[in-house]
Amino acid sequence: MKAFIVLVALALASSAFGRNMDRCSLAREMSNLGVPRDQLARWTCIADQKSNYRTSAVGPKNSDGSQDYGIFQISSLFWCQPANGRFSHNECSINCKDLVTDDITNSVRCAQKILGKQGWSAWAGCDGSLPSIDGCF
């Protein structure tokens, strides 16, 4: 019985820490959400560099007091509303906490909005040769 309680507690705790994805699981999930396949290699590179594929990643405070949230490290200054009530442009009309859940739909939708407004330059790096995602499908 004690072992069962420990297992249940661990299962609940692991969901509180978010999900750790990998290149292929992210590529497949983003494809299922309608992201064009020719963008997936770059998105997986960004997620690898910015959050190590962790959906629950929250960056340290930036010099302006903002923080970056989720698998794509989306800025609270421009794109989401932080829980502390600090000013945000909140261009994605979303709470920052909604970017650090196991369900990456909000992160993907907001990242696509950022891409549409700022292009790939919103995320430094991942400009050169990218690892193929062809083996993921």
N, C-alpha and C. Protein backbone atom coordinates (compact mmCIF):
# COMPACT_ATOMS: atom_id res chain seq x y z
N MET A 1 0.82 -1.20 0.00
CA MET A 1 0.00 0.00 0.00
C MET A 1 0.86 1.26 0.00
N LYS A 2 1.95 1.24 0.80
CA LYS A 2 2.83 2.40 0.83
C LYS A 2 3.46 2.65 -0.54
N ALA A 3 3.81 1.56 -1.22
CA ALA A 3 4.41 1.71 -2.55
C ALA A 3 3.42 2.36 -3.51
N PHE A 4 2.16 2.00 -3.42
CA PHE A 4 1.13 2.59 -4.27
C PHE A 4 1.00 4.09 -4.01
N ILE A 5 0.99 4.48 -2.76
CA ILE A 5 0.88 5.89 -2.40
C ILE A 5 2.08 6.68 -2.93
N VAL A 6 3.26 6.10 -2.80
CA VAL A 6 4.47 6.74 -3.31
C VAL A 6 4.39 6.91 -4.82
N LEU A 7 3.94 5.88 -5.53
CA LEU A 7 3.81 5.96 -6.98
C LEU A 7 2.80 7.03 -7.40
N VAL A 8 1.69 7.11 -6.71
CA VAL A 8 0.69 8.13 -7.02
C VAL A 8 1.26 9.52 -6.76
N ALA A 9 1.96 9.69 -5.66
CA ALA A 9 2.56 10.99 -5.34
C ALA A 9 3.59 11.39 -6.39
N LEU A 10 4.40 10.44 -6.84
CA LEU A 10 5.40 10.73 -7.87
C LEU A 10 4.73 11.09 -9.19
N ALA A 11 3.67 10.40 -9.54
CA ALA A 11 2.95 10.70 -10.78
C ALA A 11 2.36 12.11 -10.74
N LEU A 12 1.79 12.48 -9.62
CA LEU A 12 1.23 13.83 -9.49
C LEU A 12 2.32 14.89 -9.51
N ALA A 13 3.42 14.60 -8.85
CA ALA A 13 4.52 15.57 -8.82
C ALA A 13 5.14 15.74 -10.19
N SER A 14 5.26 14.66 -10.96
CA SER A 14 5.89 14.78 -12.28
C SER A 14 5.06 15.65 -13.21
N SER A 15 3.74 15.61 -13.09
CA SER A 15 2.91 16.46 -13.94
C SER A 15 3.05 17.93 -13.55
N ALA A 16 3.38 18.20 -12.30
CA ALA A 16 3.58 19.58 -11.87
C ALA A 16 4.86 20.16 -12.44
N PHE A 17 5.79 19.32 -12.83
CA PHE A 17 7.06 19.78 -13.37
C PHE A 17 7.05 19.87 -14.89
N GLY A 18 5.94 19.61 -15.53
CA GLY A 18 5.87 19.71 -16.97
C GLY A 18 6.37 18.45 -17.66
N ARG A 19 6.41 18.56 -18.95
CA ARG A 19 6.77 17.41 -19.77
C ARG A 19 8.10 17.68 -20.45
N ASN A 20 8.94 16.68 -20.49
CA ASN A 20 10.18 16.76 -21.25
C ASN A 20 9.95 16.05 -22.58
N MET A 21 10.04 16.80 -23.64
CA MET A 21 9.83 16.25 -24.97
C MET A 21 11.18 15.95 -25.60
N ASP A 22 11.17 15.48 -26.82
CA ASP A 22 12.39 15.34 -27.60
C ASP A 22 12.08 15.86 -29.01
N ARG A 23 13.09 15.87 -29.85
CA ARG A 23 12.94 16.45 -31.18
C ARG A 23 11.78 15.84 -31.95
N CYS A 24 11.70 14.53 -31.97
CA CYS A 24 10.65 13.88 -32.76
C CYS A 24 9.26 14.03 -32.15
N SER A 25 9.15 13.94 -30.83
CA SER A 25 7.82 14.09 -30.23
C SER A 25 7.31 15.52 -30.45
N LEU A 26 8.20 16.50 -30.37
CA LEU A 26 7.79 17.88 -30.63
C LEU A 26 7.41 18.07 -32.09
N ALA A 27 8.21 17.55 -33.01
CA ALA A 27 7.91 17.69 -34.44
C ALA A 27 6.56 17.06 -34.78
N ARG A 28 6.30 15.87 -34.27
CA ARG A 28 5.03 15.20 -34.55
C ARG A 28 3.85 15.97 -33.97
N GLU A 29 4.00 16.44 -32.73
CA GLU A 29 2.89 17.16 -32.10
C GLU A 29 2.63 18.49 -32.80
N MET A 30 3.69 19.18 -33.19
CA MET A 30 3.50 20.45 -33.90
C MET A 30 2.88 20.22 -35.28
N SER A 31 3.26 19.15 -35.93
CA SER A 31 2.67 18.81 -37.22
C SER A 31 1.17 18.54 -37.04
N ASN A 32 0.82 17.82 -35.99
CA ASN A 32 -0.59 17.55 -35.70
C ASN A 32 -1.37 18.82 -35.41
N LEU A 33 -0.67 19.86 -34.94
CA LEU A 33 -1.32 21.15 -34.66
C LEU A 33 -1.36 22.05 -35.90
N GLY A 34 -0.88 21.54 -37.03
CA GLY A 34 -0.98 22.27 -38.28
C GLY A 34 0.23 23.10 -38.66
N VAL A 35 1.33 22.97 -37.92
CA VAL A 35 2.54 23.71 -38.27
C VAL A 35 3.13 23.11 -39.54
N PRO A 36 3.47 23.94 -40.52
CA PRO A 36 4.02 23.42 -41.77
C PRO A 36 5.29 22.59 -41.53
N ARG A 37 5.39 21.49 -42.24
CA ARG A 37 6.51 20.57 -42.03
C ARG A 37 7.86 21.23 -42.32
N ASP A 38 7.90 22.18 -43.24
CA ASP A 38 9.18 22.81 -43.56
C ASP A 38 9.68 23.73 -42.45
N GLN A 39 8.86 23.99 -41.44
CA GLN A 39 9.28 24.79 -40.28
C GLN A 39 9.71 23.94 -39.09
N LEU A 40 9.39 22.68 -39.10
CA LEU A 40 9.56 21.85 -37.90
C LEU A 40 11.01 21.70 -37.45
N ALA A 41 11.94 21.56 -38.37
CA ALA A 41 13.34 21.41 -37.96
C ALA A 41 13.81 22.65 -37.20
N ARG A 42 13.40 23.81 -37.66
CA ARG A 42 13.81 25.04 -36.96
C ARG A 42 13.13 25.15 -35.60
N TRP A 43 11.85 24.82 -35.51
CA TRP A 43 11.16 24.86 -34.21
C TRP A 43 11.80 23.90 -33.23
N THR A 44 12.17 22.71 -33.69
CA THR A 44 12.79 21.76 -32.75
C THR A 44 14.16 22.25 -32.30
N CYS A 45 14.89 22.91 -33.18
CA CYS A 45 16.18 23.50 -32.81
C CYS A 45 15.97 24.59 -31.75
N ILE A 46 14.99 25.44 -31.95
CA ILE A 46 14.70 26.51 -30.99
C ILE A 46 14.34 25.92 -29.63
N ALA A 47 13.46 24.94 -29.62
CA ALA A 47 13.06 24.32 -28.35
C ALA A 47 14.25 23.67 -27.65
N ASP A 48 15.13 23.05 -28.43
CA ASP A 48 16.32 22.43 -27.85
C ASP A 48 17.21 23.48 -27.21
N GLN A 49 17.49 24.56 -27.92
CA GLN A 49 18.38 25.61 -27.42
C GLN A 49 17.77 26.41 -26.27
N LYS A 50 16.50 26.73 -26.36
CA LYS A 50 15.89 27.63 -25.39
C LYS A 50 15.42 26.96 -24.11
N SER A 51 14.88 25.75 -24.21
CA SER A 51 14.29 25.12 -23.02
C SER A 51 14.72 23.67 -22.80
N ASN A 52 15.59 23.17 -23.68
CA ASN A 52 15.95 21.75 -23.62
C ASN A 52 14.69 20.88 -23.70
N TYR A 53 13.74 21.32 -24.51
CA TYR A 53 12.47 20.62 -24.75
C TYR A 53 11.59 20.49 -23.51
N ARG A 54 11.74 21.37 -22.55
CA ARG A 54 10.93 21.31 -21.32
C ARG A 54 9.74 22.25 -21.44
N THR A 55 8.55 21.71 -21.32
CA THR A 55 7.34 22.53 -21.44
C THR A 55 7.18 23.47 -20.25
N SER A 56 7.77 23.15 -19.13
CA SER A 56 7.60 23.95 -17.92
C SER A 56 8.71 24.98 -17.70
N ALA A 57 9.58 25.17 -18.67
CA ALA A 57 10.73 26.05 -18.48
C ALA A 57 10.29 27.50 -18.25
N VAL A 58 10.88 28.11 -17.23
CA VAL A 58 10.70 29.54 -16.96
C VAL A 58 12.10 30.10 -16.78
N GLY A 59 12.45 31.07 -17.60
CA GLY A 59 13.78 31.65 -17.55
C GLY A 59 13.96 32.58 -16.37
N PRO A 60 15.20 32.92 -16.06
CA PRO A 60 15.45 33.89 -15.00
C PRO A 60 14.96 35.27 -15.42
N LYS A 61 14.85 36.16 -14.47
CA LYS A 61 14.40 37.52 -14.80
C LYS A 61 15.38 38.18 -15.75
N ASN A 62 14.83 38.83 -16.75
CA ASN A 62 15.62 39.62 -17.69
C ASN A 62 15.90 40.99 -17.07
N SER A 63 16.76 41.77 -17.70
CA SER A 63 17.14 43.08 -17.16
C SER A 63 15.94 44.02 -17.03
N ASP A 64 14.90 43.81 -17.83
CA ASP A 64 13.71 44.66 -17.75
C ASP A 64 12.66 44.11 -16.78
N GLY A 65 12.98 43.02 -16.09
CA GLY A 65 12.07 42.41 -15.12
C GLY A 65 11.16 41.36 -15.69
N SER A 66 11.13 41.22 -17.01
CA SER A 66 10.29 40.20 -17.64
C SER A 66 10.95 38.83 -17.49
N GLN A 67 10.20 37.79 -17.83
CA GLN A 67 10.72 36.43 -17.87
C GLN A 67 10.25 35.76 -19.15
N ASP A 68 10.91 34.65 -19.50
CA ASP A 68 10.57 33.89 -20.70
C ASP A 68 9.96 32.56 -20.27
N TYR A 69 8.91 32.15 -20.98
CA TYR A 69 8.09 31.02 -20.55
C TYR A 69 7.95 29.94 -21.61
N GLY A 70 7.96 28.70 -21.14
CA GLY A 70 7.59 27.56 -21.95
C GLY A 70 8.68 27.03 -22.86
N ILE A 71 8.28 26.10 -23.68
CA ILE A 71 9.21 25.36 -24.53
C ILE A 71 9.94 26.26 -25.53
N PHE A 72 9.32 27.39 -25.92
CA PHE A 72 9.95 28.33 -26.85
C PHE A 72 10.45 29.61 -26.16
N GLN A 73 10.34 29.66 -24.83
CA GLN A 73 10.80 30.80 -24.03
C GLN A 73 10.24 32.12 -24.54
N ILE A 74 8.95 32.25 -24.38
CA ILE A 74 8.18 33.40 -24.85
C ILE A 74 8.17 34.49 -23.78
N SER A 75 8.50 35.71 -24.19
CA SER A 75 8.68 36.84 -23.27
C SER A 75 7.37 37.35 -22.68
N SER A 76 7.41 37.56 -21.36
CA SER A 76 6.24 38.12 -20.68
C SER A 76 6.09 39.62 -20.94
N LEU A 77 7.12 40.28 -21.41
CA LEU A 77 7.00 41.71 -21.68
C LEU A 77 6.08 41.98 -22.88
N PHE A 78 6.18 41.14 -23.88
CA PHE A 78 5.42 41.38 -25.12
C PHE A 78 4.28 40.42 -25.37
N TRP A 79 4.39 39.17 -24.94
CA TRP A 79 3.51 38.15 -25.49
C TRP A 79 2.53 37.51 -24.52
N CYS A 80 2.79 37.53 -23.22
CA CYS A 80 1.87 36.89 -22.27
C CYS A 80 1.81 37.71 -20.99
N GLN A 81 0.74 37.54 -20.22
CA GLN A 81 0.55 38.28 -18.98
C GLN A 81 1.07 37.47 -17.80
N PRO A 82 2.10 37.99 -17.12
CA PRO A 82 2.62 37.25 -15.96
C PRO A 82 1.66 37.32 -14.78
N ALA A 83 1.75 36.33 -13.90
CA ALA A 83 0.86 36.25 -12.74
C ALA A 83 1.08 37.38 -11.76
N ASN A 84 2.27 37.99 -11.77
CA ASN A 84 2.55 39.06 -10.80
C ASN A 84 1.89 40.39 -11.17
N GLY A 85 1.14 40.43 -12.26
CA GLY A 85 0.42 41.63 -12.66
C GLY A 85 1.28 42.70 -13.32
N ARG A 86 2.55 42.40 -13.51
CA ARG A 86 3.47 43.33 -14.15
C ARG A 86 2.97 43.67 -15.56
N PHE A 87 3.26 44.88 -16.03
CA PHE A 87 2.81 45.29 -17.36
C PHE A 87 3.31 44.33 -18.44
N SER A 88 2.44 44.05 -19.38
CA SER A 88 2.78 43.25 -20.56
C SER A 88 1.95 43.75 -21.73
N HIS A 89 2.52 43.74 -22.91
CA HIS A 89 1.74 44.05 -24.10
C HIS A 89 0.76 42.92 -24.39
N ASN A 90 1.08 41.70 -23.92
CA ASN A 90 0.21 40.52 -24.01
C ASN A 90 -0.38 40.32 -25.40
N GLU A 91 0.48 40.36 -26.40
CA GLU A 91 0.05 40.23 -27.80
C GLU A 91 -0.62 38.90 -28.11
N CYS A 92 -0.32 37.87 -27.32
CA CYS A 92 -0.98 36.57 -27.55
C CYS A 92 -2.26 36.42 -26.73
N SER A 93 -2.59 37.45 -25.93
CA SER A 93 -3.81 37.43 -25.10
C SER A 93 -3.91 36.15 -24.28
N ILE A 94 -2.85 35.90 -23.51
CA ILE A 94 -2.77 34.66 -22.75
C ILE A 94 -2.01 34.91 -21.45
N ASN A 95 -2.32 34.13 -20.43
CA ASN A 95 -1.54 34.15 -19.20
C ASN A 95 -0.26 33.36 -19.42
N CYS A 96 0.83 33.85 -18.88
CA CYS A 96 2.11 33.16 -19.05
C CYS A 96 2.05 31.73 -18.51
N LYS A 97 1.27 31.50 -17.44
CA LYS A 97 1.18 30.16 -16.87
C LYS A 97 0.60 29.16 -17.87
N ASP A 98 -0.14 29.66 -18.86
CA ASP A 98 -0.71 28.77 -19.88
C ASP A 98 0.32 28.34 -20.91
N LEU A 99 1.53 28.89 -20.82
CA LEU A 99 2.62 28.49 -21.72
C LEU A 99 3.53 27.44 -21.10
N VAL A 100 3.27 27.06 -19.86
CA VAL A 100 4.15 26.11 -19.17
C VAL A 100 3.41 24.85 -18.75
N THR A 101 2.45 24.44 -19.56
CA THR A 101 1.68 23.23 -19.30
C THR A 101 2.14 22.10 -20.21
N ASP A 102 1.66 20.91 -19.91
CA ASP A 102 1.98 19.76 -20.75
C ASP A 102 1.41 19.90 -22.16
N ASP A 103 0.29 20.59 -22.29
CA ASP A 103 -0.34 20.81 -23.59
C ASP A 103 0.35 22.01 -24.25
N ILE A 104 1.05 21.77 -25.35
CA ILE A 104 1.84 22.83 -25.98
C ILE A 104 1.04 23.68 -26.98
N THR A 105 -0.25 23.46 -27.08
CA THR A 105 -1.06 24.19 -28.05
C THR A 105 -0.91 25.71 -27.90
N ASN A 106 -1.03 26.22 -26.69
CA ASN A 106 -0.92 27.67 -26.48
C ASN A 106 0.47 28.17 -26.84
N SER A 107 1.50 27.43 -26.49
CA SER A 107 2.87 27.83 -26.83
C SER A 107 3.07 27.86 -28.33
N VAL A 108 2.55 26.87 -29.02
CA VAL A 108 2.69 26.80 -30.48
C VAL A 108 1.95 27.96 -31.13
N ARG A 109 0.72 28.21 -30.72
CA ARG A 109 -0.07 29.29 -31.31
C ARG A 109 0.59 30.65 -31.08
N CYS A 110 1.09 30.87 -29.88
CA CYS A 110 1.75 32.14 -29.59
C CYS A 110 3.06 32.25 -30.37
N ALA A 111 3.83 31.17 -30.43
CA ALA A 111 5.09 31.19 -31.20
C ALA A 111 4.83 31.47 -32.67
N GLN A 112 3.75 30.92 -33.22
CA GLN A 112 3.42 31.20 -34.61
C GLN A 112 3.06 32.68 -34.81
N LYS A 113 2.40 33.26 -33.82
CA LYS A 113 2.07 34.69 -33.89
C LYS A 113 3.35 35.52 -33.88
N ILE A 114 4.28 35.16 -33.01
CA ILE A 114 5.57 35.85 -32.93
C ILE A 114 6.30 35.73 -34.27
N LEU A 115 6.33 34.54 -34.82
CA LEU A 115 6.97 34.32 -36.11
C LEU A 115 6.35 35.21 -37.18
N GLY A 116 5.04 35.30 -37.20
CA GLY A 116 4.36 36.14 -38.17
C GLY A 116 4.68 37.62 -38.04
N LYS A 117 4.92 38.08 -36.82
CA LYS A 117 5.19 39.50 -36.60
C LYS A 117 6.67 39.85 -36.66
N GLN A 118 7.54 38.93 -36.21
CA GLN A 118 8.96 39.26 -36.09
C GLN A 118 9.87 38.38 -36.93
N GLY A 119 9.35 37.30 -37.47
CA GLY A 119 10.19 36.37 -38.22
C GLY A 119 11.05 35.54 -37.28
N TRP A 120 11.92 34.75 -37.87
CA TRP A 120 12.78 33.85 -37.09
C TRP A 120 13.77 34.61 -36.21
N SER A 121 14.00 35.89 -36.51
CA SER A 121 14.97 36.66 -35.72
C SER A 121 14.52 36.85 -34.27
N ALA A 122 13.28 36.54 -33.96
CA ALA A 122 12.80 36.62 -32.58
C ALA A 122 13.54 35.62 -31.69
N TRP A 123 14.09 34.58 -32.29
CA TRP A 123 14.85 33.57 -31.56
C TRP A 123 16.25 33.50 -32.16
N ALA A 124 17.25 33.87 -31.39
CA ALA A 124 18.63 33.82 -31.89
C ALA A 124 19.08 32.37 -32.04
N GLY A 125 19.92 32.13 -33.03
CA GLY A 125 20.44 30.79 -33.27
C GLY A 125 19.57 30.02 -34.26
N CYS A 126 19.95 28.80 -34.52
CA CYS A 126 19.21 27.90 -35.40
C CYS A 126 19.10 28.48 -36.81
N ASP A 127 20.15 29.14 -37.27
CA ASP A 127 20.13 29.74 -38.59
C ASP A 127 20.81 28.88 -39.65
N GLY A 128 21.71 28.03 -39.24
CA GLY A 128 22.49 27.25 -40.20
C GLY A 128 21.83 25.93 -40.53
N SER A 129 22.65 24.94 -40.69
CA SER A 129 22.18 23.59 -41.00
C SER A 129 21.40 23.04 -39.80
N LEU A 130 20.22 22.55 -40.07
CA LEU A 130 19.36 22.04 -39.01
C LEU A 130 19.27 20.52 -39.08
N PRO A 131 19.16 19.85 -37.93
CA PRO A 131 18.99 18.40 -37.94
C PRO A 131 17.68 18.02 -38.64
N SER A 132 17.73 17.00 -39.44
CA SER A 132 16.55 16.55 -40.16
C SER A 132 15.51 15.99 -39.19
N ILE A 133 14.25 16.22 -39.50
CA ILE A 133 13.16 15.63 -38.73
C ILE A 133 12.47 14.53 -39.54
N ASP A 134 13.04 14.21 -40.71
CA ASP A 134 12.41 13.21 -41.60
C ASP A 134 12.22 11.87 -40.93
N GLY A 135 13.16 11.46 -40.09
CA GLY A 135 13.04 10.18 -39.41
C GLY A 135 11.99 10.16 -38.32
N CYS A 136 11.38 11.30 -38.04
CA CYS A 136 10.38 11.41 -36.96
C CYS A 136 8.99 10.97 -37.44
N PHE A 137 8.81 10.87 -38.76
CA PHE A 137 7.46 10.58 -39.27
C PHE A 137 7.42 9.25 -39.99
